[in-house]
C-alpha atoms as a PDB file:
ATOM      1  CA  MET A   1      42.869  36.004  20.104  1.00  0.00           C
ATOM      2  CA  THR A   2      44.321  34.118  23.285  1.00  0.00           C
ATOM      3  CA  ASP A   3      47.135  32.132  22.173  1.00  0.00           C
ATOM      4  CA  PRO A   4      46.189  28.286  22.234  1.00  0.00           C
ATOM      5  CA  TRP A   5      47.233  26.789  25.132  1.00  0.00           C
ATOM      6  CA  TRP A   6      50.196  24.883  23.477  1.00  0.00           C
ATOM      7  CA  ALA A   7      52.104  28.145  21.882  1.00  0.00           C
ATOM      8  CA  PRO A   8      55.489  28.745  23.231  1.00  0.00           C
ATOM      9  CA  ALA A   9      54.706  31.808  24.913  1.00  0.00           C
ATOM     10  CA  SER A  10      51.689  30.448  26.173  1.00  0.00           C
ATOM     11  CA  LEU A  11      53.705  27.204  27.825  1.00  0.00           C
ATOM     12  CA  ALA A  12      56.146  29.921  29.169  1.00  0.00           C
ATOM     13  CA  LYS A  13      54.338  31.632  31.162  1.00  0.00           C
ATOM     14  CA  ARG A  14      53.286  28.415  32.883  1.00  0.00           C
ATOM     15  CA  ARG A  15      56.922  26.626  32.963  1.00  0.00           C
ATOM     16  CA  ASP A  16      56.982  27.807  36.836  1.00  0.00           C
ATOM     17  CA  ASN A  17      54.030  26.383  37.862  1.00  0.00           C
ATOM     18  CA  LEU A  18      54.325  23.133  35.884  1.00  0.00           C
ATOM     19  CA  ALA A  19      57.582  22.649  37.597  1.00  0.00           C
ATOM     20  CA  LEU A  20      55.988  23.471  41.090  1.00  0.00           C
ATOM     21  CA  ARG A  21      53.246  20.753  40.026  1.00  0.00           C
ATOM     22  CA  GLY A  22      55.794  18.164  39.616  1.00  0.00           C
ATOM     23  CA  ARG A  23      57.729  18.584  43.116  1.00  0.00           C
ATOM     24  CA  ALA A  24      54.050  18.441  44.434  1.00  0.00           C
ATOM     25  CA  LYS A  25      53.621  15.195  42.698  1.00  0.00           C
ATOM     26  CA  SER A  26      56.790  13.445  44.170  1.00  0.00           C
ATOM     27  CA  ALA A  27      56.168  14.966  47.406  1.00  0.00           C
ATOM     28  CA  LEU A  28      52.725  13.142  47.203  1.00  0.00           C
ATOM     29  CA  ALA A  29      54.320   9.512  46.452  1.00  0.00           C
ATOM     30  CA  ASP A  30      57.068  10.354  49.013  1.00  0.00           C
ATOM     31  CA  TRP A  31      54.452  10.953  51.767  1.00  0.00           C
ATOM     32  CA  PHE A  32      52.280   8.169  51.060  1.00  0.00           C
ATOM     33  CA  GLN A  33      55.130   5.735  51.178  1.00  0.00           C
ATOM     34  CA  SER A  34      57.226   7.360  54.386  1.00  0.00           C
ATOM     35  CA  ALA A  35      53.032   6.850  56.214  1.00  0.00           C
ATOM     36  CA  GLY A  36      52.527   3.141  54.936  1.00  0.00           C
ATOM     37  CA  PHE A  37      49.532   3.388  52.252  1.00  0.00           C
ATOM     38  CA  VAL A  38      50.092   1.262  49.372  1.00  0.00           C
ATOM     39  CA  GLU A  39      49.662   2.934  45.840  1.00  0.00           C
ATOM     40  CA  VAL A  40      46.725   1.351  43.633  1.00  0.00           C
ATOM     41  CA  GLU A  41      45.130   1.579  40.448  1.00  0.00           C
ATOM     42  CA  THR A  42      41.814   1.516  39.189  1.00  0.00           C
ATOM     43  CA  PRO A  43      39.743   1.349  35.901  1.00  0.00           C
ATOM     44  CA  ALA A  44      38.419   4.893  34.558  1.00  0.00           C
ATOM     45  CA  LEU A  45      35.539   2.776  33.176  1.00  0.00           C
ATOM     46  CA  GLN A  46      32.903   1.580  35.327  1.00  0.00           C
ATOM     47  CA  ILE A  47      29.465   0.367  35.667  1.00  0.00           C
ATOM     48  CA  SER A  48      28.475   3.668  37.662  1.00  0.00           C
ATOM     49  CA  PRO A  49      30.350   6.630  37.093  1.00  0.00           C
ATOM     50  CA  GLY A  50      29.383   7.734  40.999  1.00  0.00           C
ATOM     51  CA  LEU A  51      25.554   8.409  42.278  1.00  0.00           C
ATOM     52  CA  GLU A  52      25.912  12.380  43.608  1.00  0.00           C
ATOM     53  CA  PRO A  53      22.517  13.381  42.328  1.00  0.00           C
ATOM     54  CA  HIS A  54      23.897  16.777  40.855  1.00  0.00           C
ATOM     55  CA  LEU A  55      27.026  14.899  39.197  1.00  0.00           C
ATOM     56  CA  ALA A  56      26.538  14.606  35.348  1.00  0.00           C
ATOM     57  CA  ALA A  57      28.920  11.556  33.752  1.00  0.00           C
ATOM     58  CA  PHE A  58      30.207  11.192  30.927  1.00  0.00           C
ATOM     59  CA  GLU A  59      28.646   8.094  28.858  1.00  0.00           C
ATOM     60  CA  THR A  60      30.440   5.475  26.704  1.00  0.00           C
ATOM     61  CA  ARG A  61      29.652   2.510  25.217  1.00  0.00           C
ATOM     62  CA  LEU A  62      31.605  -0.788  25.807  1.00  0.00           C
ATOM     63  CA  LEU A  63      31.236  -3.653  22.739  1.00  0.00           C
ATOM     64  CA  ALA A  64      32.271  -7.254  22.792  1.00  0.00           C
ATOM     65  CA  ALA A  65      35.014  -8.491  20.809  1.00  0.00           C
ATOM     66  CA  GLY A  66      34.683  -8.517  17.119  1.00  0.00           C
ATOM     67  CA  HIS A  67      31.248  -6.609  17.183  1.00  0.00           C
ATOM     68  CA  TYR A  68      32.839  -2.980  15.916  1.00  0.00           C
ATOM     69  CA  GLY A  69      30.798  -1.919  13.043  1.00  0.00           C
ATOM     70  CA  SER A  70      27.882  -4.194  13.883  1.00  0.00           C
ATOM     71  CA  ASP A  71      24.476  -3.537  14.952  1.00  0.00           C
ATOM     72  CA  ASP A  72      25.244  -4.494  18.367  1.00  0.00           C
ATOM     73  CA  PRO A  73      24.884  -1.547  20.374  1.00  0.00           C
ATOM     74  CA  GLY A  74      27.462  -2.679  23.475  1.00  0.00           C
ATOM     75  CA  GLN A  75      26.838  -2.250  27.287  1.00  0.00           C
ATOM     76  CA  PRO A  76      26.644   1.165  29.087  1.00  0.00           C
ATOM     77  CA  TYR A  77      29.921   2.771  30.553  1.00  0.00           C
ATOM     78  CA  TYR A  78      30.367   5.773  31.981  1.00  0.00           C
ATOM     79  CA  LEU A  79      33.888   7.412  32.695  1.00  0.00           C
ATOM     80  CA  HIS A  80      34.082   7.530  36.875  1.00  0.00           C
ATOM     81  CA  THR A  81      33.668  10.845  38.675  1.00  0.00           C
ATOM     82  CA  SER A  82      35.484   9.487  41.484  1.00  0.00           C
ATOM     83  CA  PRO A  83      37.671   6.187  41.604  1.00  0.00           C
ATOM     84  CA  GLU A  84      35.445   5.776  45.322  1.00  0.00           C
ATOM     85  CA  PHE A  85      33.949   2.242  44.378  1.00  0.00           C
ATOM     86  CA  ALA A  86      36.688   0.576  42.878  1.00  0.00           C
ATOM     87  CA  MET A  87      38.710   1.968  45.660  1.00  0.00           C
ATOM     88  CA  LYS A  88      36.187   1.042  48.460  1.00  0.00           C
ATOM     89  CA  LYS A  89      36.186  -3.141  46.617  1.00  0.00           C
ATOM     90  CA  LEU A  90      40.042  -3.246  47.641  1.00  0.00           C
ATOM     91  CA  LEU A  91      39.001  -2.486  51.253  1.00  0.00           C
ATOM     92  CA  ALA A  92      36.593  -5.259  51.259  1.00  0.00           C
ATOM     93  CA  GLY A  93      39.505  -7.617  49.669  1.00  0.00           C
ATOM     94  CA  GLY A  94      41.378  -6.889  52.613  1.00  0.00           C
ATOM     95  CA  MET A  95      43.892  -3.783  51.703  1.00  0.00           C
ATOM     96  CA  GLU A  96      43.783  -1.491  54.443  1.00  0.00           C
ATOM     97  CA  LYS A  97      45.749   1.592  53.531  1.00  0.00           C
ATOM     98  CA  ILE A  98      45.635   2.604  50.087  1.00  0.00           C
ATOM     99  CA  TRP A  99      45.889   5.661  47.486  1.00  0.00           C
ATOM    100  CA  GLN A 100      45.752   6.677  44.185  1.00  0.00           C
ATOM    101  CA  LEU A 101      46.119  10.026  41.942  1.00  0.00           C
ATOM    102  CA  CYS A 102      43.839   9.444  38.931  1.00  0.00           C
ATOM    103  CA  PRO A 103      41.936  11.778  35.807  1.00  0.00           C
ATOM    104  CA  VAL A 104      38.406  11.537  37.011  1.00  0.00           C
ATOM    105  CA  TYR A 105      35.487  12.817  34.790  1.00  0.00           C
ATOM    106  CA  ARG A 106      32.728  15.729  35.297  1.00  0.00           C
ATOM    107  CA  ASN A 107      30.372  16.655  32.494  1.00  0.00           C
ATOM    108  CA  ALA A 108      28.073  19.988  32.589  1.00  0.00           C
ATOM    109  CA  GLU A 109      30.982  21.794  34.991  1.00  0.00           C
ATOM    110  CA  GLY A 110      32.894  24.987  33.783  1.00  0.00           C
ATOM    111  CA  SER A 111      34.599  27.816  35.865  1.00  0.00           C
ATOM    112  CA  PRO A 112      38.216  28.917  36.843  1.00  0.00           C
ATOM    113  CA  THR A 113      38.228  26.126  39.288  1.00  0.00           C
ATOM    114  CA  HIS A 114      36.603  23.368  37.081  1.00  0.00           C
ATOM    115  CA  SER A 115      37.887  21.025  34.905  1.00  0.00           C
ATOM    116  CA  PRO A 116      35.310  18.219  33.123  1.00  0.00           C
ATOM    117  CA  GLU A 117      39.084  16.090  33.217  1.00  0.00           C
ATOM    118  CA  PHE A 118      40.882  16.784  36.342  1.00  0.00           C
ATOM    119  CA  LYS A 119      43.097  14.740  39.082  1.00  0.00           C
ATOM    120  CA  MET A 120      41.629  13.016  41.979  1.00  0.00           C
ATOM    121  CA  LEU A 121      43.690  11.947  44.527  1.00  0.00           C
ATOM    122  CA  GLU A 122      41.696   9.556  47.172  1.00  0.00           C
ATOM    123  CA  TRP A 123      42.849   7.768  50.001  1.00  0.00           C
ATOM    124  CA  TYR A 124      41.562   5.339  52.654  1.00  0.00           C
ATOM    125  CA  ARG A 125      42.610   3.936  55.975  1.00  0.00           C
ATOM    126  CA  ALA A 126      40.591   0.739  56.961  1.00  0.00           C
ATOM    127  CA  TYR A 127      39.422   0.710  61.020  1.00  0.00           C
ATOM    128  CA  ALA A 128      39.505   4.620  60.872  1.00  0.00           C
ATOM    129  CA  GLY A 129      37.704   7.552  61.052  1.00  0.00           C
ATOM    130  CA  TYR A 130      37.472  10.970  59.515  1.00  0.00           C
ATOM    131  CA  GLU A 131      39.689  12.277  62.445  1.00  0.00           C
ATOM    132  CA  GLU A 132      42.498  10.440  61.250  1.00  0.00           C
ATOM    133  CA  LEU A 133      41.475  11.994  57.585  1.00  0.00           C
ATOM    134  CA  MET A 134      41.871  15.545  58.959  1.00  0.00           C
ATOM    135  CA  SER A 135      45.331  14.455  60.360  1.00  0.00           C
ATOM    136  CA  ASP A 136      46.499  13.079  56.520  1.00  0.00           C
ATOM    137  CA  ALA A 137      45.430  16.060  55.071  1.00  0.00           C
ATOM    138  CA  GLN A 138      46.970  18.499  57.544  1.00  0.00           C
ATOM    139  CA  THR A 139      50.927  16.909  57.739  1.00  0.00           C
ATOM    140  CA  LEU A 140      50.348  16.547  53.618  1.00  0.00           C
ATOM    141  CA  ILE A 141      49.400  19.858  52.825  1.00  0.00           C
ATOM    142  CA  GLY A 142      52.247  21.464  55.175  1.00  0.00           C
ATOM    143  CA  ALA A 143      54.981  18.522  53.231  1.00  0.00           C
ATOM    144  CA  LEU A 144      53.703  19.714  49.705  1.00  0.00           C
ATOM    145  CA  ALA A 145      53.933  23.284  50.614  1.00  0.00           C
ATOM    146  CA  THR A 146      57.406  22.501  52.725  1.00  0.00           C
ATOM    147  CA  ALA A 147      58.506  20.301  48.679  1.00  0.00           C
ATOM    148  CA  CYS A 148      57.392  23.446  46.752  1.00  0.00           C
ATOM    149  CA  GLN A 149      58.908  26.037  49.032  1.00  0.00           C
ATOM    150  CA  VAL A 150      55.998  28.397  48.595  1.00  0.00           C
ATOM    151  CA  SER A 151      55.026  30.258  52.571  1.00  0.00           C
ATOM    152  CA  GLY A 152      51.347  29.461  51.761  1.00  0.00           C
ATOM    153  CA  LEU A 153      48.199  28.667  49.831  1.00  0.00           C
ATOM    154  CA  ARG A 154      47.721  31.775  48.134  1.00  0.00           C
ATOM    155  CA  ARG A 155      44.692  33.336  45.889  1.00  0.00           C
ATOM    156  CA  GLY A 156      44.450  37.044  44.494  1.00  0.00           C
ATOM    157  CA  ASN A 157      44.983  38.781  47.760  1.00  0.00           C
ATOM    158  CA  ARG A 158      43.822  35.443  50.278  1.00  0.00           C
ATOM    159  CA  HIS A 159      46.182  33.299  52.259  1.00  0.00           C
ATOM    160  CA  SER A 160      46.059  30.386  54.225  1.00  0.00           C
ATOM    161  CA  ASP A 161      48.469  29.370  56.445  1.00  0.00           C
ATOM    162  CA  PRO A 162      49.146  24.734  55.701  1.00  0.00           C
ATOM    163  CA  MET A 163      52.284  25.224  58.415  1.00  0.00           C
ATOM    164  CA  GLY A 164      49.837  25.676  61.520  1.00  0.00           C
ATOM    165  CA  PRO A 165      46.654  24.097  63.162  1.00  0.00           C
ATOM    166  CA  PHE A 166      44.314  24.072  60.502  1.00  0.00           C
ATOM    167  CA  LEU A 167      40.652  25.818  61.792  1.00  0.00           C
ATOM    168  CA  ARG A 168      37.530  23.698  62.499  1.00  0.00           C
ATOM    169  CA  LEU A 169      33.748  24.271  62.185  1.00  0.00           C
ATOM    170  CA  THR A 170      30.468  22.655  62.292  1.00  0.00           C
ATOM    171  CA  VAL A 171      28.116  22.688  59.712  1.00  0.00           C
ATOM    172  CA  ALA A 172      25.968  24.037  62.006  1.00  0.00           C
ATOM    173  CA  GLU A 173      28.221  26.465  63.487  1.00  0.00           C
ATOM    174  CA  ALA A 174      28.881  27.841  60.308  1.00  0.00           C
ATOM    175  CA  PHE A 175      24.802  28.352  59.623  1.00  0.00           C
ATOM    176  CA  THR A 176      24.762  29.689  63.076  1.00  0.00           C
ATOM    177  CA  GLU A 177      27.599  32.335  62.734  1.00  0.00           C
ATOM    178  CA  TYR A 178      27.126  32.929  59.226  1.00  0.00           C
ATOM    179  CA  CYS A 179      23.453  32.711  58.108  1.00  0.00           C
ATOM    180  CA  GLY A 180      21.738  33.246  61.746  1.00  0.00           C
ATOM    181  CA  HIS A 181      20.043  30.278  61.094  1.00  0.00           C
ATOM    182  CA  ASP A 182      19.890  27.163  63.881  1.00  0.00           C
ATOM    183  CA  LEU A 183      20.232  23.898  61.430  1.00  0.00           C
ATOM    184  CA  THR A 184      19.980  21.915  64.347  1.00  0.00           C
ATOM    185  CA  ALA A 185      16.446  22.522  65.057  1.00  0.00           C
ATOM    186  CA  THR A 186      15.688  22.441  61.296  1.00  0.00           C
ATOM    187  CA  ILE A 187      16.785  19.079  61.006  1.00  0.00           C
ATOM    188  CA  SER A 188      15.746  17.773  64.396  1.00  0.00           C
ATOM    189  CA  GLU A 189      12.464  17.305  63.134  1.00  0.00           C
ATOM    190  CA  ASN A 190      13.203  15.125  60.555  1.00  0.00           C
ATOM    191  CA  PRO A 191      16.604  14.589  59.983  1.00  0.00           C
ATOM    192  CA  GLN A 192      16.396  11.403  56.987  1.00  0.00           C
ATOM    193  CA  SER A 193      14.225  14.379  54.779  1.00  0.00           C
ATOM    194  CA  PRO A 194      14.742  18.025  57.036  1.00  0.00           C
ATOM    195  CA  PRO A 195      12.238  20.795  55.813  1.00  0.00           C
ATOM    196  CA  VAL A 196      12.787  22.894  53.513  1.00  0.00           C
ATOM    197  CA  ALA A 197      10.702  25.740  54.916  1.00  0.00           C
ATOM    198  CA  PRO A 198      13.019  27.650  57.922  1.00  0.00           C
ATOM    199  CA  LEU A 199      15.632  27.433  55.142  1.00  0.00           C
ATOM    200  CA  ILE A 200      13.314  29.323  52.599  1.00  0.00           C
ATOM    201  CA  GLU A 201      12.576  31.357  55.466  1.00  0.00           C
ATOM    202  CA  THR A 202      16.530  32.751  56.200  1.00  0.00           C
ATOM    203  CA  ALA A 203      17.119  32.866  52.761  1.00  0.00           C
ATOM    204  CA  ASN A 204      14.502  35.401  51.854  1.00  0.00           C
ATOM    205  CA  ARG A 205      16.017  37.202  55.052  1.00  0.00           C
ATOM    206  CA  LEU A 206      19.162  37.032  53.493  1.00  0.00           C
ATOM    207  CA  GLY A 207      18.359  38.057  50.240  1.00  0.00           C
ATOM    208  CA  ILE A 208      19.233  35.102  48.338  1.00  0.00           C
ATOM    209  CA  ARG A 209      16.734  33.888  45.353  1.00  0.00           C
ATOM    210  CA  VAL A 210      15.088  30.496  46.070  1.00  0.00           C
ATOM    211  CA  ALA A 211      11.979  28.985  43.868  1.00  0.00           C
ATOM    212  CA  GLY A 212       8.973  27.481  44.921  1.00  0.00           C
ATOM    213  CA  ASP A 213       9.795  24.214  44.013  1.00  0.00           C
ATOM    214  CA  ASP A 214      13.592  24.362  45.766  1.00  0.00           C
ATOM    215  CA  SER A 215      14.735  20.792  47.638  1.00  0.00           C
ATOM    216  CA  PHE A 216      15.883  21.245  51.478  1.00  0.00           C
ATOM    217  CA  ASP A 217      19.338  20.507  49.553  1.00  0.00           C
ATOM    218  CA  ASP A 218      18.959  23.085  46.500  1.00  0.00           C
ATOM    219  CA  VAL A 219      18.013  26.004  49.145  1.00  0.00           C
ATOM    220  CA  PHE A 220      21.003  24.420  51.713  1.00  0.00           C
ATOM    221  CA  PHE A 221      23.977  24.940  49.041  1.00  0.00           C
ATOM    222  CA  ARG A 222      22.589  28.224  47.764  1.00  0.00           C
ATOM    223  CA  LEU A 223      23.161  29.534  51.175  1.00  0.00           C
ATOM    224  CA  MET A 224      26.651  27.802  51.484  1.00  0.00           C
ATOM    225  CA  ASP A 225      27.512  29.306  48.413  1.00  0.00           C
ATOM    226  CA  ALA A 226      26.579  32.517  49.456  1.00  0.00           C
ATOM    227  CA  ARG A 227      27.058  32.949  52.636  1.00  0.00           C
ATOM    228  CA  ILE A 228      29.322  30.095  54.270  1.00  0.00           C
ATOM    229  CA  GLU A 229      32.354  29.235  51.850  1.00  0.00           C
ATOM    230  CA  PRO A 230      33.608  32.656  50.917  1.00  0.00           C
ATOM    231  CA  HIS A 231      34.935  33.098  54.099  1.00  0.00           C
ATOM    232  CA  LEU A 232      36.619  29.299  54.630  1.00  0.00           C
ATOM    233  CA  GLY A 233      40.145  29.097  54.882  1.00  0.00           C
ATOM    234  CA  ASP A 234      41.515  32.655  55.130  1.00  0.00           C
ATOM    235  CA  GLY A 235      44.937  32.475  57.683  1.00  0.00           C
ATOM    236  CA  ALA A 236      44.632  29.159  58.230  1.00  0.00           C
ATOM    237  CA  PRO A 237      42.900  25.970  55.476  1.00  0.00           C
ATOM    238  CA  CYS A 238      39.390  25.160  57.456  1.00  0.00           C
ATOM    239  CA  PHE A 239      37.943  21.622  58.261  1.00  0.00           C
ATOM    240  CA  LEU A 240      34.065  21.653  57.882  1.00  0.00           C
ATOM    241  CA  ILE A 241      32.582  19.303  59.503  1.00  0.00           C
ATOM    242  CA  ASP A 242      29.385  16.906  60.513  1.00  0.00           C
ATOM    243  CA  TYR A 243      27.162  17.131  57.593  1.00  0.00           C
ATOM    244  CA  PRO A 244      23.349  16.367  57.794  1.00  0.00           C
ATOM    245  CA  ILE A 245      22.964  12.661  57.625  1.00  0.00           C
ATOM    246  CA  SER A 246      20.490  13.602  54.753  1.00  0.00           C
ATOM    247  CA  MET A 247      23.360  15.090  52.951  1.00  0.00           C
ATOM    248  CA  ALA A 248      26.174  12.201  53.053  1.00  0.00           C
ATOM    249  CA  ALA A 249      25.302   9.572  51.143  1.00  0.00           C
ATOM    250  CA  LEU A 250      28.499   7.688  51.813  1.00  0.00           C
ATOM    251  CA  ALA A 251      29.191   8.355  55.386  1.00  0.00           C
ATOM    252  CA  ARG A 252      28.349   6.565  58.102  1.00  0.00           C
ATOM    253  CA  PRO A 253      26.299   8.729  60.954  1.00  0.00           C
ATOM    254  CA  LYS A 254      28.052  10.053  64.136  1.00  0.00           C
ATOM    255  CA  PRO A 255      27.918   7.478  66.775  1.00  0.00           C
ATOM    256  CA  ASP A 256      27.127  10.085  69.772  1.00  0.00           C
ATOM    257  CA  ASP A 257      24.755  12.235  67.440  1.00  0.00           C
ATOM    258  CA  PRO A 258      23.029  10.604  64.345  1.00  0.00           C
ATOM    259  CA  ILE A 259      21.525  13.065  63.028  1.00  0.00           C
ATOM    260  CA  TRP A 260      24.943  14.386  61.332  1.00  0.00           C
ATOM    261  CA  ALA A 261      27.239  12.238  59.761  1.00  0.00           C
ATOM    262  CA  GLU A 262      30.783  11.769  59.436  1.00  0.00           C
ATOM    263  CA  ARG A 263      31.755  13.932  56.667  1.00  0.00           C
ATOM    264  CA  VAL A 264      34.342  16.628  55.994  1.00  0.00           C
ATOM    265  CA  GLU A 265      34.842  19.156  53.303  1.00  0.00           C
ATOM    266  CA  LEU A 266      38.664  21.236  53.670  1.00  0.00           C
ATOM    267  CA  TYR A 267      38.800  24.694  52.159  1.00  0.00           C
ATOM    268  CA  ALA A 268      41.785  27.055  51.520  1.00  0.00           C
ATOM    269  CA  CYS A 269      41.113  30.513  50.591  1.00  0.00           C
ATOM    270  CA  GLY A 270      37.493  30.091  50.139  1.00  0.00           C
ATOM    271  CA  VAL A 271      38.037  26.980  47.627  1.00  0.00           C
ATOM    272  CA  GLU A 272      36.978  23.441  48.321  1.00  0.00           C
ATOM    273  CA  LEU A 273      40.070  21.149  48.068  1.00  0.00           C
ATOM    274  CA  ALA A 274      38.839  18.001  49.945  1.00  0.00           C
ATOM    275  CA  ASN A 275      35.721  15.873  51.088  1.00  0.00           C
ATOM    276  CA  GLY A 276      36.064  12.887  53.261  1.00  0.00           C
ATOM    277  CA  PHE A 277      34.002  10.442  54.947  1.00  0.00           C
ATOM    278  CA  GLY A 278      33.878   7.623  58.101  1.00  0.00           C
ATOM    279  CA  GLU A 279      32.623   5.656  55.644  1.00  0.00           C
ATOM    280  CA  LEU A 280      29.622   3.750  55.683  1.00  0.00           C
ATOM    281  CA  THR A 281      29.613  -0.039  55.438  1.00  0.00           C
ATOM    282  CA  ASN A 282      25.579  -0.678  56.047  1.00  0.00           C
ATOM    283  CA  ALA A 283      24.790  -2.135  52.727  1.00  0.00           C
ATOM    284  CA  ASP A 284      21.005  -2.112  52.907  1.00  0.00           C
ATOM    285  CA  GLU A 285      20.878   1.392  53.838  1.00  0.00           C
ATOM    286  CA  GLN A 286      23.858   2.215  51.277  1.00  0.00           C
ATOM    287  CA  ARG A 287      21.256   0.724  48.913  1.00  0.00           C
ATOM    288  CA  ARG A 288      18.523   2.890  50.154  1.00  0.00           C
ATOM    289  CA  ARG A 289      20.275   6.190  49.890  1.00  0.00           C
ATOM    290  CA  PHE A 290      21.486   5.348  46.589  1.00  0.00           C
ATOM    291  CA  GLN A 291      18.053   5.189  45.472  1.00  0.00           C
ATOM    292  CA  ALA A 292      16.467   7.713  47.355  1.00  0.00           C
ATOM    293  CA  ASP A 293      19.523  10.119  45.375  1.00  0.00           C
ATOM    294  CA  MET A 294      18.911   8.224  41.725  1.00  0.00           C
ATOM    295  CA  ASP A 295      15.383   9.335  42.090  1.00  0.00           C
ATOM    296  CA  LEU A 296      15.623  12.862  42.909  1.00  0.00           C
ATOM    297  CA  LYS A 297      18.373  12.982  39.526  1.00  0.00           C
ATOM    298  CA  ALA A 298      15.257  11.294  37.768  1.00  0.00           C
ATOM    299  CA  HIS A 299      13.069  14.372  39.022  1.00  0.00           C
ATOM    300  CA  LEU A 300      15.443  16.634  38.330  1.00  0.00           C
ATOM    301  CA  TYR A 301      17.266  15.954  35.178  1.00  0.00           C
ATOM    302  CA  GLY A 302      15.117  13.148  33.813  1.00  0.00           C
ATOM    303  CA  HIS A 303      17.265  10.273  33.859  1.00  0.00           C
ATOM    304  CA  ARG A 304      19.327   7.792  36.676  1.00  0.00           C
ATOM    305  CA  TYR A 305      22.515   6.270  36.702  1.00  0.00           C
ATOM    306  CA  PRO A 306      22.654   2.095  37.438  1.00  0.00           C
ATOM    307  CA  ILE A 307      23.522   1.200  40.975  1.00  0.00           C
ATOM    308  CA  ASP A 308      26.700  -1.040  41.203  1.00  0.00           C
ATOM    309  CA  GLU A 309      25.690  -4.326  42.814  1.00  0.00           C
ATOM    310  CA  ASP A 310      29.282  -5.822  42.923  1.00  0.00           C
ATOM    311  CA  PHE A 311      30.014  -2.473  44.944  1.00  0.00           C
ATOM    312  CA  LEU A 312      27.191  -3.093  47.496  1.00  0.00           C
ATOM    313  CA  THR A 313      28.468  -6.308  48.013  1.00  0.00           C
ATOM    314  CA  ALA A 314      31.794  -5.318  49.094  1.00  0.00           C
ATOM    315  CA  VAL A 315      30.088  -2.807  51.338  1.00  0.00           C
ATOM    316  CA  ALA A 316      28.642  -5.415  52.888  1.00  0.00           C
ATOM    317  CA  THR A 317      32.659  -7.170  53.692  1.00  0.00           C
ATOM    318  CA  MET A 318      34.395  -3.877  53.674  1.00  0.00           C
ATOM    319  CA  PRO A 319      35.782  -2.990  57.227  1.00  0.00           C
ATOM    320  CA  PRO A 320      35.349   0.031  58.888  1.00  0.00           C
ATOM    321  CA  ALA A 321      37.188   2.674  57.004  1.00  0.00           C
ATOM    322  CA  ALA A 322      37.328   6.484  56.415  1.00  0.00           C
ATOM    323  CA  GLY A 323      38.588   7.793  52.721  1.00  0.00           C
ATOM    324  CA  MET A 324      39.377  11.456  51.438  1.00  0.00           C
ATOM    325  CA  ALA A 325      39.426  12.826  48.147  1.00  0.00           C
ATOM    326  CA  LEU A 326      41.165  15.761  47.436  1.00  0.00           C
ATOM    327  CA  GLY A 327      41.660  17.622  44.201  1.00  0.00           C
ATOM    328  CA  PHE A 328      45.519  17.818  43.190  1.00  0.00           C
ATOM    329  CA  ASP A 329      45.097  20.318  40.393  1.00  0.00           C
ATOM    330  CA  ARG A 330      43.250  22.995  42.457  1.00  0.00           C
ATOM    331  CA  LEU A 331      45.853  22.109  45.528  1.00  0.00           C
ATOM    332  CA  VAL A 332      48.538  23.272  43.279  1.00  0.00           C
ATOM    333  CA  MET A 333      46.880  26.448  42.280  1.00  0.00           C
ATOM    334  CA  LEU A 334      46.879  27.490  45.302  1.00  0.00           C
ATOM    335  CA  LEU A 335      50.599  26.073  46.093  1.00  0.00           C
ATOM    336  CA  ALA A 336      51.356  28.011  43.088  1.00  0.00           C
ATOM    337  CA  GLY A 337      49.217  31.141  44.047  1.00  0.00           C
ATOM    338  CA  ALA A 338      47.479  30.947  40.220  1.00  0.00           C
ATOM    339  CA  ASP A 339      44.157  32.051  39.819  1.00  0.00           C
ATOM    340  CA  ARG A 340      42.837  29.233  37.556  1.00  0.00           C
ATOM    341  CA  LEU A 341      42.982  25.407  36.511  1.00  0.00           C
ATOM    342  CA  ASP A 342      44.778  26.384  33.358  1.00  0.00           C
ATOM    343  CA  ASP A 343      47.193  28.068  35.046  1.00  0.00           C
ATOM    344  CA  VAL A 344      48.814  24.706  36.192  1.00  0.00           C
ATOM    345  CA  LEU A 345      47.762  22.127  33.753  1.00  0.00           C
ATOM    346  CA  TRP A 346      50.227  20.859  31.306  1.00  0.00           C
ATOM    347  CA  ALA A 347      47.578  20.655  28.591  1.00  0.00           C
ATOM    348  CA  ARG A 348      43.586  21.351  28.903  1.00  0.00           C
ATOM    349  CA  VAL A 349      40.430  19.941  27.460  1.00  0.00           C
ATOM    350  CA  SER A 350      40.124  21.457  24.480  1.00  0.00           C
ATOM    351  CA  SER A 351      37.519  22.718  22.856  1.00  0.00           C
END
């Protein structure tokens, strides 16, 4: 039987990693202050938890004052899966450069690099695009590596140097290189609803399991998980950019090639660290995408989450902007050269 996380021997094994975590957290605040960002705080309880079809949220009930113990079932609320909606409302209110490090909550996830509660770093720039986000992420991670006095990001025998230039790879280039698949030709047929048959043919050729009712997204992510993500971020962190427009519900189209979206993910040592967008500011299009995503969730999982109408009102008035979400615990894990998130947490969610 293993020791509980709070046992002296278990805690002692993590103390060096936890000291590094503290240095990283301090360096984080210093970097954002020096870059002119304002730290904000937003509630974890939200009307809508985030509308990505495959994310499961934690639901609770908000009771009216004095109704505890009554028959009032209360109003459903959710623990946010990201502070994105609230932070974009602040952009609509006139804030221009904001950041936040906060707990977020995702149900039905479990692996050495997942936790149902984890720390998310999010930052937003008004009047900016995803190019600025990539520059921010590169300089920020380099600053944290310097503050933590580490030579690079490590996991097992993999190493990624955050001090030199980060690599860049488009999603189309990644599919060509690692899957031998022309993704541009596939999505050009119908960018909003690409055909799944060409991806199924590629998956079958590569020996990747597919089912008869799999969607384009299903097969896309199986190919990503099996053939692309494991190769990303060795030697140097890698930005994977320009996702199909159908797979970026909160991102704006690329102005020069609207079949692709201004979406970027950051990888190091095969681990996804961050996800960012040039933000969509068309409220009608945002509503259409949310409804499509909730239709898909209802089809796959039998339920849907409410759309935050206040958020759509804010989207219609917010300035052009870009934002990125970075998993702080995962970054600390790689800075420490640890194998699991549990190795860099003060306390884990107990069963």
